[in-house]
Amino acid sequence: MKQIIILLLLIIAFFIGFGKYQQYKRYNTPKLEYKTDKKIDIEFHNQDLVFNYFNAIEDLNSWVKLQWTANNIDVVTPEDDGTETKFAVKKYAEKLAKIKYYEARLEKSAFLKEKGFSNKEIKFLEETGTGLKTHLQEIEKTSFNNKLKTLFADSKKIVYNQKTALIYEVQKLLVKNGFDIAVDGIYKAETSNAIKSFEAKNNLFADGKLDLLTLDALLE
């Protein structure tokens, strides 16, 4: 009789323990919180997107917990391929994809800011679809053009056989435009004739003398 009572007590203890375990398991979702090790820009020019990013994470975490506690489905590492599990896993993938989309934009923005870009510049790149390499090339080109125009504005009247950095750069531009001339920085007949020919082809006053209109046309 005593042994039967002990056995019954053990059975009761087992079921109580199992129930406690099931309750613990139900409210301790595996891999609940989504976390990332990526560096993101929380000062992104579009703060609505930042809000949507964090909101999407909360939505995902809630979905994972709900499926585990209500349906005993682990959407991260499912143990079966039933219809309900497939649906839950599909929804999980959709919610995760939304997070990854926001995350990719915020990560790219953080990278660009490390390169010295401002929110305004990043917004421009996104709206125009301009690539970083292309944009940097445009910045470099604009900087060079401005420096050359400054050099032109600061230069005195160019005379024959004069050797200057301005003529050297102009000769390089003429070569890019198909003229076969020496690039030596010396303003002589060869360079003057090339300028005159270039001006004629571009409907400019063809006098072979460098002026701002000719320089602008060469820089295009």
N, C-alpha and C. Protein backbone atom coordinates (compact mmCIF):
# COMPACT_ATOMS: atom_id res chain seq x y z
N MET A 1 0.83 -1.21 0.00
CA MET A 1 0.00 0.00 0.00
C MET A 1 0.88 1.27 0.00
N LYS A 2 1.91 1.19 0.83
CA LYS A 2 2.82 2.33 0.93
C LYS A 2 3.50 2.60 -0.40
N GLN A 3 3.87 1.54 -1.11
CA GLN A 3 4.54 1.69 -2.40
C GLN A 3 3.60 2.30 -3.45
N ILE A 4 2.32 1.93 -3.36
CA ILE A 4 1.33 2.49 -4.30
C ILE A 4 1.17 3.99 -4.07
N ILE A 5 1.13 4.37 -2.80
CA ILE A 5 0.99 5.80 -2.47
C ILE A 5 2.19 6.59 -2.98
N ILE A 6 3.40 6.04 -2.79
CA ILE A 6 4.63 6.69 -3.26
C ILE A 6 4.61 6.84 -4.79
N LEU A 7 4.14 5.77 -5.45
CA LEU A 7 4.06 5.79 -6.91
C LEU A 7 3.09 6.86 -7.40
N LEU A 8 1.93 6.92 -6.71
CA LEU A 8 0.94 7.94 -7.07
C LEU A 8 1.49 9.35 -6.88
N LEU A 9 2.22 9.51 -5.75
CA LEU A 9 2.82 10.83 -5.48
C LEU A 9 3.85 11.20 -6.55
N LEU A 10 4.63 10.20 -6.97
CA LEU A 10 5.60 10.45 -8.04
C LEU A 10 4.93 10.84 -9.34
N ILE A 11 3.82 10.14 -9.65
CA ILE A 11 3.08 10.44 -10.88
C ILE A 11 2.52 11.86 -10.82
N ILE A 12 1.95 12.20 -9.66
CA ILE A 12 1.39 13.54 -9.48
C ILE A 12 2.48 14.60 -9.61
N ALA A 13 3.63 14.34 -8.98
CA ALA A 13 4.76 15.27 -9.04
C ALA A 13 5.25 15.45 -10.48
N PHE A 14 5.23 14.32 -11.21
CA PHE A 14 5.66 14.38 -12.61
C PHE A 14 4.75 15.29 -13.43
N PHE A 15 3.44 15.10 -13.27
CA PHE A 15 2.50 15.91 -14.05
C PHE A 15 2.54 17.38 -13.64
N ILE A 16 2.72 17.62 -12.34
CA ILE A 16 2.85 19.02 -11.90
C ILE A 16 4.10 19.65 -12.50
N GLY A 17 5.22 18.91 -12.44
CA GLY A 17 6.48 19.39 -13.00
C GLY A 17 6.39 19.60 -14.49
N PHE A 18 5.73 18.66 -15.18
CA PHE A 18 5.58 18.78 -16.64
C PHE A 18 4.73 19.99 -16.99
N GLY A 19 3.67 20.20 -16.19
CA GLY A 19 2.82 21.37 -16.43
C GLY A 19 3.57 22.67 -16.24
N LYS A 20 4.40 22.71 -15.18
CA LYS A 20 5.23 23.89 -14.93
C LYS A 20 6.21 24.12 -16.08
N TYR A 21 6.78 23.02 -16.57
CA TYR A 21 7.74 23.12 -17.69
C TYR A 21 7.06 23.65 -18.94
N GLN A 22 5.84 23.14 -19.21
CA GLN A 22 5.10 23.59 -20.39
C GLN A 22 4.74 25.07 -20.27
N GLN A 23 4.40 25.48 -19.03
CA GLN A 23 4.08 26.89 -18.81
C GLN A 23 5.32 27.76 -19.00
N TYR A 24 6.45 27.28 -18.48
CA TYR A 24 7.72 28.01 -18.66
C TYR A 24 8.09 28.10 -20.13
N LYS A 25 7.96 26.96 -20.79
CA LYS A 25 8.31 26.89 -22.21
C LYS A 25 7.43 27.83 -23.04
N ARG A 26 6.16 27.90 -22.67
CA ARG A 26 5.21 28.73 -23.42
C ARG A 26 5.58 30.21 -23.36
N TYR A 27 6.04 30.67 -22.20
CA TYR A 27 6.31 32.10 -22.04
C TYR A 27 7.80 32.46 -22.12
N ASN A 28 8.59 31.54 -22.59
CA ASN A 28 10.01 31.81 -22.83
C ASN A 28 10.35 31.44 -24.27
N THR A 29 9.99 32.37 -25.15
CA THR A 29 10.14 32.16 -26.58
C THR A 29 11.60 32.06 -26.99
N PRO A 30 11.98 31.06 -27.75
CA PRO A 30 13.37 30.95 -28.20
C PRO A 30 13.70 32.04 -29.22
N LYS A 31 14.88 32.68 -29.08
CA LYS A 31 15.35 33.69 -30.05
C LYS A 31 14.29 34.77 -30.28
N LEU A 32 13.72 35.27 -29.22
CA LEU A 32 12.61 36.22 -29.36
C LEU A 32 13.03 37.55 -29.98
N GLU A 33 13.98 38.20 -29.35
CA GLU A 33 14.31 39.56 -29.77
C GLU A 33 15.22 39.59 -30.99
N TYR A 34 14.78 40.33 -32.00
CA TYR A 34 15.62 40.53 -33.19
C TYR A 34 16.71 41.53 -32.83
N LYS A 35 17.95 41.16 -33.11
CA LYS A 35 19.08 42.05 -32.85
C LYS A 35 19.97 42.08 -34.08
N THR A 36 20.67 43.19 -34.25
CA THR A 36 21.58 43.32 -35.38
C THR A 36 22.92 43.87 -34.91
N ASP A 37 23.99 43.45 -35.57
CA ASP A 37 25.31 43.98 -35.25
C ASP A 37 25.75 45.02 -36.28
N LYS A 38 24.82 45.37 -37.16
CA LYS A 38 25.13 46.35 -38.21
C LYS A 38 25.09 47.76 -37.64
N LYS A 39 25.92 48.64 -38.18
CA LYS A 39 25.94 50.03 -37.76
C LYS A 39 24.92 50.80 -38.59
N ILE A 40 23.92 51.35 -37.93
CA ILE A 40 22.86 52.07 -38.65
C ILE A 40 22.85 53.54 -38.24
N ASP A 41 22.24 54.35 -39.10
CA ASP A 41 22.16 55.80 -38.88
C ASP A 41 20.79 56.15 -38.32
N ILE A 42 20.72 56.40 -37.02
CA ILE A 42 19.43 56.76 -36.41
C ILE A 42 19.12 58.24 -36.62
N GLU A 43 20.09 58.98 -37.19
CA GLU A 43 19.87 60.39 -37.53
C GLU A 43 19.59 60.53 -39.03
N PHE A 44 19.08 59.48 -39.63
CA PHE A 44 18.77 59.44 -41.06
C PHE A 44 17.85 60.60 -41.45
N HIS A 45 18.00 61.09 -42.69
CA HIS A 45 17.25 62.28 -43.12
C HIS A 45 15.74 62.05 -43.08
N ASN A 46 15.31 60.80 -43.21
CA ASN A 46 13.88 60.47 -43.14
C ASN A 46 13.60 59.78 -41.81
N GLN A 47 13.16 60.55 -40.83
CA GLN A 47 12.94 59.99 -39.49
C GLN A 47 11.75 59.03 -39.44
N ASP A 48 10.83 59.18 -40.40
CA ASP A 48 9.71 58.24 -40.47
C ASP A 48 10.24 56.82 -40.74
N LEU A 49 11.27 56.73 -41.56
CA LEU A 49 11.84 55.42 -41.88
C LEU A 49 12.51 54.82 -40.64
N VAL A 50 13.18 55.66 -39.85
CA VAL A 50 13.80 55.18 -38.61
C VAL A 50 12.73 54.64 -37.67
N PHE A 51 11.63 55.38 -37.55
CA PHE A 51 10.52 54.92 -36.70
C PHE A 51 9.95 53.60 -37.23
N ASN A 52 9.76 53.53 -38.54
CA ASN A 52 9.21 52.31 -39.14
C ASN A 52 10.14 51.11 -38.93
N TYR A 53 11.44 51.38 -38.92
CA TYR A 53 12.42 50.31 -38.70
C TYR A 53 12.24 49.69 -37.31
N PHE A 54 12.23 50.54 -36.30
CA PHE A 54 12.08 50.04 -34.93
C PHE A 54 10.69 49.46 -34.69
N ASN A 55 9.69 50.05 -35.33
CA ASN A 55 8.34 49.52 -35.22
C ASN A 55 8.24 48.14 -35.86
N ALA A 56 8.93 47.93 -36.97
CA ALA A 56 8.94 46.63 -37.66
C ALA A 56 9.61 45.57 -36.79
N ILE A 57 10.64 45.96 -36.05
CA ILE A 57 11.30 45.02 -35.14
C ILE A 57 10.35 44.60 -34.03
N GLU A 58 9.64 45.57 -33.47
CA GLU A 58 8.67 45.25 -32.42
C GLU A 58 7.57 44.34 -32.96
N ASP A 59 7.14 44.61 -34.17
CA ASP A 59 6.09 43.80 -34.80
C ASP A 59 6.58 42.36 -35.01
N LEU A 60 7.81 42.23 -35.45
CA LEU A 60 8.39 40.90 -35.66
C LEU A 60 8.50 40.14 -34.34
N ASN A 61 9.03 40.79 -33.33
CA ASN A 61 9.19 40.13 -32.03
C ASN A 61 7.85 39.70 -31.44
N SER A 62 6.84 40.56 -31.61
CA SER A 62 5.50 40.22 -31.12
C SER A 62 4.94 39.00 -31.86
N TRP A 63 5.19 38.96 -33.17
CA TRP A 63 4.71 37.84 -33.97
C TRP A 63 5.37 36.52 -33.56
N VAL A 64 6.67 36.57 -33.34
CA VAL A 64 7.40 35.37 -32.91
C VAL A 64 6.86 34.87 -31.58
N LYS A 65 6.67 35.79 -30.64
CA LYS A 65 6.17 35.41 -29.31
C LYS A 65 4.75 34.87 -29.39
N LEU A 66 3.90 35.53 -30.19
CA LEU A 66 2.51 35.09 -30.32
C LEU A 66 2.42 33.68 -30.88
N GLN A 67 3.19 33.41 -31.93
CA GLN A 67 3.14 32.08 -32.54
C GLN A 67 3.64 31.00 -31.58
N TRP A 68 4.60 31.37 -30.77
CA TRP A 68 5.15 30.38 -29.83
C TRP A 68 4.18 30.12 -28.68
N THR A 69 3.67 31.21 -28.09
CA THR A 69 2.81 31.06 -26.91
C THR A 69 1.42 30.56 -27.25
N ALA A 70 0.88 31.00 -28.40
CA ALA A 70 -0.49 30.62 -28.75
C ALA A 70 -0.57 29.33 -29.54
N ASN A 71 0.41 29.12 -30.45
CA ASN A 71 0.34 27.96 -31.35
C ASN A 71 1.50 26.98 -31.20
N ASN A 72 2.42 27.29 -30.27
CA ASN A 72 3.58 26.43 -30.04
C ASN A 72 4.39 26.23 -31.33
N ILE A 73 4.52 27.33 -32.11
CA ILE A 73 5.26 27.29 -33.37
C ILE A 73 6.52 28.14 -33.24
N ASP A 74 7.64 27.53 -33.49
CA ASP A 74 8.91 28.26 -33.52
C ASP A 74 9.16 28.66 -34.98
N VAL A 75 8.86 29.93 -35.29
CA VAL A 75 8.97 30.38 -36.69
C VAL A 75 10.41 30.55 -37.14
N VAL A 76 11.34 30.62 -36.19
CA VAL A 76 12.76 30.78 -36.53
C VAL A 76 13.35 29.45 -36.96
N THR A 77 13.09 28.42 -36.16
CA THR A 77 13.57 27.06 -36.49
C THR A 77 12.39 26.09 -36.34
N PRO A 78 11.47 26.08 -37.30
CA PRO A 78 10.27 25.23 -37.21
C PRO A 78 10.62 23.74 -37.17
N GLU A 79 9.80 23.02 -36.40
CA GLU A 79 10.04 21.58 -36.25
C GLU A 79 9.13 20.73 -37.13
N ASP A 80 8.18 21.35 -37.81
CA ASP A 80 7.31 20.60 -38.72
C ASP A 80 6.98 21.47 -39.91
N ASP A 81 6.31 20.90 -40.92
CA ASP A 81 5.95 21.64 -42.13
C ASP A 81 4.45 21.62 -42.37
N GLY A 82 3.70 21.68 -41.28
CA GLY A 82 2.24 21.74 -41.40
C GLY A 82 1.78 23.04 -42.00
N THR A 83 0.52 23.09 -42.39
CA THR A 83 -0.05 24.28 -43.04
C THR A 83 0.05 25.51 -42.15
N GLU A 84 -0.28 25.36 -40.89
CA GLU A 84 -0.24 26.49 -39.96
C GLU A 84 1.19 26.97 -39.75
N THR A 85 2.12 26.04 -39.67
CA THR A 85 3.52 26.39 -39.50
C THR A 85 4.06 27.10 -40.73
N LYS A 86 3.70 26.59 -41.92
CA LYS A 86 4.15 27.21 -43.16
C LYS A 86 3.66 28.64 -43.26
N PHE A 87 2.40 28.87 -42.87
CA PHE A 87 1.84 30.22 -42.92
C PHE A 87 2.59 31.15 -41.96
N ALA A 88 2.83 30.64 -40.73
CA ALA A 88 3.52 31.44 -39.72
C ALA A 88 4.94 31.78 -40.17
N VAL A 89 5.63 30.82 -40.75
CA VAL A 89 7.01 31.03 -41.21
C VAL A 89 7.05 32.03 -42.36
N LYS A 90 6.06 31.94 -43.26
CA LYS A 90 5.98 32.87 -44.39
C LYS A 90 5.78 34.30 -43.91
N LYS A 91 4.89 34.47 -42.93
CA LYS A 91 4.65 35.81 -42.38
C LYS A 91 5.90 36.34 -41.68
N TYR A 92 6.59 35.44 -41.01
CA TYR A 92 7.83 35.82 -40.34
C TYR A 92 8.85 36.32 -41.36
N ALA A 93 8.97 35.62 -42.48
CA ALA A 93 9.92 36.01 -43.53
C ALA A 93 9.56 37.38 -44.10
N GLU A 94 8.26 37.64 -44.28
CA GLU A 94 7.82 38.93 -44.82
C GLU A 94 8.16 40.06 -43.85
N LYS A 95 7.92 39.82 -42.58
CA LYS A 95 8.22 40.84 -41.57
C LYS A 95 9.72 41.07 -41.46
N LEU A 96 10.50 40.01 -41.56
CA LEU A 96 11.95 40.13 -41.49
C LEU A 96 12.50 40.87 -42.71
N ALA A 97 11.90 40.62 -43.87
CA ALA A 97 12.34 41.29 -45.11
C ALA A 97 12.13 42.80 -45.01
N LYS A 98 11.05 43.20 -44.37
CA LYS A 98 10.78 44.64 -44.19
C LYS A 98 11.88 45.27 -43.32
N ILE A 99 12.25 44.57 -42.27
CA ILE A 99 13.31 45.06 -41.40
C ILE A 99 14.62 45.18 -42.16
N LYS A 100 14.94 44.16 -42.95
CA LYS A 100 16.19 44.15 -43.70
C LYS A 100 16.24 45.29 -44.72
N TYR A 101 15.08 45.63 -45.29
CA TYR A 101 15.02 46.75 -46.25
C TYR A 101 15.37 48.07 -45.55
N TYR A 102 14.69 48.32 -44.42
CA TYR A 102 14.98 49.54 -43.67
C TYR A 102 16.44 49.55 -43.19
N GLU A 103 16.89 48.41 -42.73
CA GLU A 103 18.23 48.29 -42.18
C GLU A 103 19.31 48.58 -43.23
N ALA A 104 19.07 48.10 -44.44
CA ALA A 104 20.04 48.31 -45.52
C ALA A 104 20.21 49.81 -45.82
N ARG A 105 19.10 50.54 -45.84
CA ARG A 105 19.17 51.98 -46.11
C ARG A 105 19.85 52.72 -44.97
N LEU A 106 19.55 52.34 -43.75
CA LEU A 106 20.15 53.01 -42.59
C LEU A 106 21.64 52.66 -42.47
N GLU A 107 21.99 51.45 -42.85
CA GLU A 107 23.40 51.04 -42.82
C GLU A 107 24.20 51.81 -43.88
N LYS A 108 23.62 51.95 -45.07
CA LYS A 108 24.28 52.69 -46.15
C LYS A 108 24.47 54.15 -45.76
N SER A 109 23.45 54.72 -45.12
CA SER A 109 23.54 56.12 -44.70
C SER A 109 24.66 56.30 -43.67
N ALA A 110 24.78 55.35 -42.74
CA ALA A 110 25.84 55.42 -41.74
C ALA A 110 27.21 55.36 -42.40
N PHE A 111 27.33 54.50 -43.42
CA PHE A 111 28.59 54.37 -44.16
C PHE A 111 28.94 55.68 -44.87
N LEU A 112 27.95 56.29 -45.51
CA LEU A 112 28.19 57.54 -46.23
C LEU A 112 28.56 58.68 -45.29
N LYS A 113 27.94 58.69 -44.11
CA LYS A 113 28.27 59.75 -43.16
C LYS A 113 29.69 59.60 -42.63
N GLU A 114 30.16 58.37 -42.55
CA GLU A 114 31.56 58.15 -42.17
C GLU A 114 32.50 58.71 -43.24
N LYS A 115 31.99 58.79 -44.49
CA LYS A 115 32.78 59.34 -45.59
C LYS A 115 32.65 60.86 -45.68
N GLY A 116 31.84 61.44 -44.78
CA GLY A 116 31.71 62.89 -44.74
C GLY A 116 30.47 63.45 -45.40
N PHE A 117 29.55 62.57 -45.82
CA PHE A 117 28.33 63.04 -46.48
C PHE A 117 27.32 63.53 -45.46
N SER A 118 26.53 64.52 -45.87
CA SER A 118 25.48 65.06 -45.01
C SER A 118 24.15 64.41 -45.36
N ASN A 119 23.14 64.65 -44.52
CA ASN A 119 21.80 64.12 -44.80
C ASN A 119 21.28 64.63 -46.14
N LYS A 120 21.57 65.90 -46.43
CA LYS A 120 21.11 66.50 -47.68
C LYS A 120 21.73 65.79 -48.88
N GLU A 121 23.01 65.48 -48.81
CA GLU A 121 23.69 64.80 -49.91
C GLU A 121 23.20 63.36 -50.07
N ILE A 122 22.97 62.69 -48.94
CA ILE A 122 22.47 61.32 -48.99
C ILE A 122 21.07 61.27 -49.60
N LYS A 123 20.25 62.25 -49.24
CA LYS A 123 18.91 62.34 -49.81
C LYS A 123 18.98 62.55 -51.31
N PHE A 124 19.91 63.39 -51.75
CA PHE A 124 20.10 63.64 -53.18
C PHE A 124 20.48 62.35 -53.91
N LEU A 125 21.40 61.59 -53.34
CA LEU A 125 21.84 60.34 -53.97
C LEU A 125 20.66 59.36 -54.11
N GLU A 126 19.84 59.30 -53.08
CA GLU A 126 18.69 58.37 -53.11
C GLU A 126 17.64 58.82 -54.12
N GLU A 127 17.36 60.10 -54.14
CA GLU A 127 16.30 60.61 -55.02
C GLU A 127 16.71 60.57 -56.49
N THR A 128 17.98 60.75 -56.77
CA THR A 128 18.44 60.76 -58.17
C THR A 128 18.93 59.40 -58.63
N GLY A 129 19.13 58.49 -57.69
CA GLY A 129 19.63 57.17 -58.05
C GLY A 129 21.10 57.19 -58.45
N THR A 130 21.80 58.26 -58.06
CA THR A 130 23.21 58.39 -58.39
C THR A 130 24.06 57.49 -57.50
N GLY A 131 25.00 56.78 -58.10
CA GLY A 131 25.89 55.93 -57.34
C GLY A 131 26.95 56.75 -56.65
N LEU A 132 27.52 56.19 -55.58
CA LEU A 132 28.53 56.90 -54.82
C LEU A 132 29.75 57.24 -55.68
N LYS A 133 30.20 56.29 -56.49
CA LYS A 133 31.37 56.51 -57.34
C LYS A 133 31.12 57.64 -58.33
N THR A 134 29.96 57.62 -58.95
CA THR A 134 29.60 58.66 -59.93
C THR A 134 29.53 60.02 -59.26
N HIS A 135 28.93 60.05 -58.07
CA HIS A 135 28.80 61.32 -57.35
C HIS A 135 30.16 61.89 -56.97
N LEU A 136 31.05 61.04 -56.52
CA LEU A 136 32.39 61.49 -56.15
C LEU A 136 33.15 62.00 -57.37
N GLN A 137 32.93 61.34 -58.50
CA GLN A 137 33.56 61.79 -59.74
C GLN A 137 33.04 63.16 -60.15
N GLU A 138 31.74 63.38 -59.96
CA GLU A 138 31.14 64.66 -60.29
C GLU A 138 31.68 65.77 -59.38
N ILE A 139 31.84 65.43 -58.10
CA ILE A 139 32.39 66.40 -57.15
C ILE A 139 33.82 66.77 -57.54
N GLU A 140 34.59 65.74 -57.91
CA GLU A 140 35.99 65.96 -58.31
C GLU A 140 36.04 66.81 -59.59
N LYS A 141 35.14 66.50 -60.52
CA LYS A 141 35.12 67.24 -61.79
C LYS A 141 34.74 68.70 -61.54
N THR A 142 33.73 68.91 -60.70
CA THR A 142 33.29 70.28 -60.40
C THR A 142 34.40 71.06 -59.72
N SER A 143 35.10 70.40 -58.80
CA SER A 143 36.21 71.05 -58.09
C SER A 143 37.31 71.45 -59.06
N PHE A 144 37.63 70.53 -59.97
CA PHE A 144 38.67 70.83 -60.97
C PHE A 144 38.25 71.99 -61.87
N ASN A 145 37.00 71.95 -62.33
CA ASN A 145 36.50 73.02 -63.21
C ASN A 145 36.57 74.38 -62.51
N ASN A 146 36.17 74.40 -61.25
CA ASN A 146 36.19 75.66 -60.50
C ASN A 146 37.61 76.18 -60.33
N LYS A 147 38.53 75.27 -60.07
CA LYS A 147 39.94 75.67 -59.91
C LYS A 147 40.49 76.22 -61.22
N LEU A 148 40.13 75.58 -62.33
CA LEU A 148 40.63 76.03 -63.63
C LEU A 148 40.04 77.40 -63.99
N LYS A 149 38.78 77.61 -63.67
CA LYS A 149 38.15 78.91 -63.94
C LYS A 149 38.77 80.00 -63.07
N THR A 150 39.10 79.63 -61.83
CA THR A 150 39.77 80.59 -60.95
C THR A 150 41.15 80.95 -61.50
N LEU A 151 41.83 79.92 -62.01
CA LEU A 151 43.15 80.12 -62.61
C LEU A 151 43.04 81.03 -63.83
N PHE A 152 41.97 80.84 -64.63
CA PHE A 152 41.74 81.68 -65.81
C PHE A 152 41.46 83.11 -65.41
N ALA A 153 40.60 83.27 -64.36
CA ALA A 153 40.24 84.62 -63.91
C ALA A 153 41.44 85.37 -63.35
N ASP A 154 42.35 84.64 -62.72
CA ASP A 154 43.53 85.27 -62.11
C ASP A 154 44.66 85.53 -63.11
N SER A 155 44.57 84.90 -64.27
CA SER A 155 45.66 85.04 -65.25
C SER A 155 45.54 86.35 -66.03
N LYS A 156 46.69 86.86 -66.42
CA LYS A 156 46.72 88.06 -67.25
C LYS A 156 46.56 87.64 -68.71
N LYS A 157 46.59 88.57 -69.61
CA LYS A 157 46.45 88.27 -71.03
C LYS A 157 47.55 87.31 -71.47
N ILE A 158 47.11 86.22 -72.12
CA ILE A 158 48.06 85.20 -72.56
C ILE A 158 48.71 85.63 -73.86
N VAL A 159 50.03 85.53 -73.92
CA VAL A 159 50.76 85.94 -75.12
C VAL A 159 51.49 84.72 -75.69
N TYR A 160 51.87 84.82 -76.94
CA TYR A 160 52.57 83.73 -77.61
C TYR A 160 53.86 83.35 -76.89
N ASN A 161 54.12 82.05 -76.89
CA ASN A 161 55.30 81.44 -76.26
C ASN A 161 55.31 81.54 -74.74
N GLN A 162 54.20 81.98 -74.19
CA GLN A 162 54.08 82.00 -72.74
C GLN A 162 53.77 80.58 -72.23
N LYS A 163 54.41 80.21 -71.15
CA LYS A 163 54.20 78.87 -70.59
C LYS A 163 53.49 79.00 -69.24
N THR A 164 52.30 78.42 -69.16
CA THR A 164 51.52 78.52 -67.91
C THR A 164 50.81 77.19 -67.62
N ALA A 165 50.41 77.05 -66.35
CA ALA A 165 49.66 75.85 -65.95
C ALA A 165 48.29 75.85 -66.62
N LEU A 166 47.71 77.04 -66.84
CA LEU A 166 46.41 77.14 -67.49
C LEU A 166 46.46 76.57 -68.91
N ILE A 167 47.46 76.96 -69.69
CA ILE A 167 47.60 76.46 -71.06
C ILE A 167 47.83 74.95 -71.06
N TYR A 168 48.58 74.47 -70.08
CA TYR A 168 48.84 73.03 -69.97
C TYR A 168 47.52 72.26 -69.81
N GLU A 169 46.64 72.75 -68.95
CA GLU A 169 45.35 72.08 -68.72
C GLU A 169 44.44 72.22 -69.94
N VAL A 170 44.49 73.39 -70.58
CA VAL A 170 43.68 73.60 -71.79
C VAL A 170 44.13 72.66 -72.91
N GLN A 171 45.42 72.48 -73.04
CA GLN A 171 45.95 71.55 -74.05
C GLN A 171 45.45 70.12 -73.80
N LYS A 172 45.40 69.72 -72.54
CA LYS A 172 44.90 68.39 -72.20
C LYS A 172 43.43 68.25 -72.58
N LEU A 173 42.66 69.32 -72.37
CA LEU A 173 41.24 69.31 -72.74
C LEU A 173 41.08 69.23 -74.26
N LEU A 174 41.95 69.93 -74.97
CA LEU A 174 41.90 69.89 -76.44
C LEU A 174 42.22 68.49 -76.96
N VAL A 175 43.18 67.83 -76.33
CA VAL A 175 43.52 66.45 -76.71
C VAL A 175 42.31 65.53 -76.49
N LYS A 176 41.61 65.74 -75.36
CA LYS A 176 40.42 64.94 -75.08
C LYS A 176 39.34 65.15 -76.13
N ASN A 177 39.37 66.31 -76.74
CA ASN A 177 38.40 66.63 -77.79
C ASN A 177 38.89 66.26 -79.19
N GLY A 178 39.95 65.49 -79.24
CA GLY A 178 40.38 64.93 -80.51
C GLY A 178 41.50 65.66 -81.23
N PHE A 179 42.09 66.67 -80.62
CA PHE A 179 43.16 67.42 -81.28
C PHE A 179 44.52 66.82 -80.95
N ASP A 180 45.32 66.63 -81.97
CA ASP A 180 46.64 66.04 -81.81
C ASP A 180 47.68 67.15 -81.67
N ILE A 181 47.88 67.61 -80.45
CA ILE A 181 48.82 68.70 -80.20
C ILE A 181 49.72 68.33 -79.03
N ALA A 182 50.81 69.05 -78.92
CA ALA A 182 51.73 68.82 -77.81
C ALA A 182 51.15 69.38 -76.52
N VAL A 183 51.35 68.65 -75.43
CA VAL A 183 50.90 69.13 -74.12
C VAL A 183 52.13 69.56 -73.34
N ASP A 184 52.51 70.82 -73.56
CA ASP A 184 53.74 71.34 -72.94
C ASP A 184 53.52 72.63 -72.17
N GLY A 185 52.27 73.14 -72.18
CA GLY A 185 51.95 74.36 -71.44
C GLY A 185 52.35 75.64 -72.13
N ILE A 186 52.84 75.53 -73.39
CA ILE A 186 53.29 76.72 -74.12
C ILE A 186 52.22 77.15 -75.12
N TYR A 187 51.85 78.42 -75.06
CA TYR A 187 50.84 78.94 -75.97
C TYR A 187 51.53 79.37 -77.28
N LYS A 188 51.34 78.52 -78.29
CA LYS A 188 51.95 78.82 -79.59
C LYS A 188 50.92 78.56 -80.68
N ALA A 189 51.34 78.66 -81.93
CA ALA A 189 50.41 78.56 -83.07
C ALA A 189 49.61 77.27 -83.06
N GLU A 190 50.27 76.17 -82.70
CA GLU A 190 49.59 74.87 -82.69
C GLU A 190 48.40 74.89 -81.73
N THR A 191 48.60 75.43 -80.55
CA THR A 191 47.53 75.50 -79.55
C THR A 191 46.46 76.50 -79.97
N SER A 192 46.90 77.65 -80.51
CA SER A 192 45.96 78.69 -80.95
C SER A 192 45.07 78.17 -82.08
N ASN A 193 45.66 77.44 -83.03
CA ASN A 193 44.88 76.89 -84.14
C ASN A 193 43.88 75.83 -83.66
N ALA A 194 44.29 75.05 -82.66
CA ALA A 194 43.40 74.03 -82.12
C ALA A 194 42.21 74.69 -81.41
N ILE A 195 42.49 75.75 -80.66
CA ILE A 195 41.42 76.49 -79.98
C ILE A 195 40.46 77.09 -81.01
N LYS A 196 41.05 77.67 -82.08
CA LYS A 196 40.23 78.29 -83.14
C LYS A 196 39.33 77.25 -83.80
N SER A 197 39.88 76.09 -84.07
CA SER A 197 39.10 75.01 -84.70
C SER A 197 38.00 74.52 -83.76
N PHE A 198 38.33 74.41 -82.49
CA PHE A 198 37.34 73.98 -81.49
C PHE A 198 36.21 74.99 -81.40
N GLU A 199 36.55 76.28 -81.39
CA GLU A 199 35.54 77.34 -81.30
C GLU A 199 34.60 77.29 -82.50
N ALA A 200 35.16 77.07 -83.69
CA ALA A 200 34.35 77.01 -84.90
C ALA A 200 33.36 75.84 -84.85
N LYS A 201 33.82 74.69 -84.36
CA LYS A 201 32.97 73.51 -84.28
C LYS A 201 31.85 73.67 -83.25
N ASN A 202 32.06 74.56 -82.30
CA ASN A 202 31.07 74.74 -81.23
C ASN A 202 30.33 76.07 -81.35
N ASN A 203 30.32 76.63 -82.54
CA ASN A 203 29.58 77.86 -82.83
C ASN A 203 29.98 79.02 -81.92
N LEU A 204 31.26 79.09 -81.63
CA LEU A 204 31.79 80.20 -80.85
C LEU A 204 32.61 81.10 -81.76
N PHE A 205 32.90 82.31 -81.28
CA PHE A 205 33.70 83.24 -82.07
C PHE A 205 35.12 82.66 -82.22
N ALA A 206 35.45 82.29 -83.46
CA ALA A 206 36.70 81.57 -83.71
C ALA A 206 37.87 82.52 -83.92
N ASP A 207 38.52 82.89 -82.82
CA ASP A 207 39.69 83.76 -82.92
C ASP A 207 40.95 83.10 -82.37
N GLY A 208 40.83 81.88 -81.89
CA GLY A 208 41.99 81.17 -81.39
C GLY A 208 42.48 81.65 -80.03
N LYS A 209 41.70 82.53 -79.40
CA LYS A 209 42.09 83.06 -78.10
C LYS A 209 41.18 82.45 -77.01
N LEU A 210 41.79 82.13 -75.91
CA LEU A 210 41.03 81.51 -74.82
C LEU A 210 40.21 82.55 -74.08
N ASP A 211 38.89 82.31 -74.04
CA ASP A 211 38.01 83.15 -73.23
C ASP A 211 37.10 82.24 -72.38
N LEU A 212 36.27 82.82 -71.56
CA LEU A 212 35.45 82.04 -70.63
C LEU A 212 34.47 81.12 -71.36
N LEU A 213 33.89 81.59 -72.46
CA LEU A 213 32.93 80.76 -73.21
C LEU A 213 33.64 79.53 -73.81
N THR A 214 34.82 79.74 -74.32
CA THR A 214 35.59 78.63 -74.89
C THR A 214 35.98 77.64 -73.78
N LEU A 215 36.39 78.20 -72.63
CA LEU A 215 36.79 77.33 -71.51
C LEU A 215 35.60 76.52 -71.01
N ASP A 216 34.43 77.15 -70.90
CA ASP A 216 33.22 76.42 -70.47
C ASP A 216 32.90 75.27 -71.44
N ALA A 217 33.03 75.54 -72.73
CA ALA A 217 32.74 74.53 -73.75
C ALA A 217 33.74 73.38 -73.64
N LEU A 218 34.98 73.67 -73.36
CA LEU A 218 36.02 72.63 -73.23
C LEU A 218 35.77 71.78 -71.98
N LEU A 219 35.18 72.37 -70.95
CA LEU A 219 34.94 71.66 -69.68
C LEU A 219 33.66 70.83 -69.67
N GLU A 220 32.84 70.99 -70.69
CA GLU A 220 31.59 70.22 -70.72
C GLU A 220 31.85 68.74 -70.91
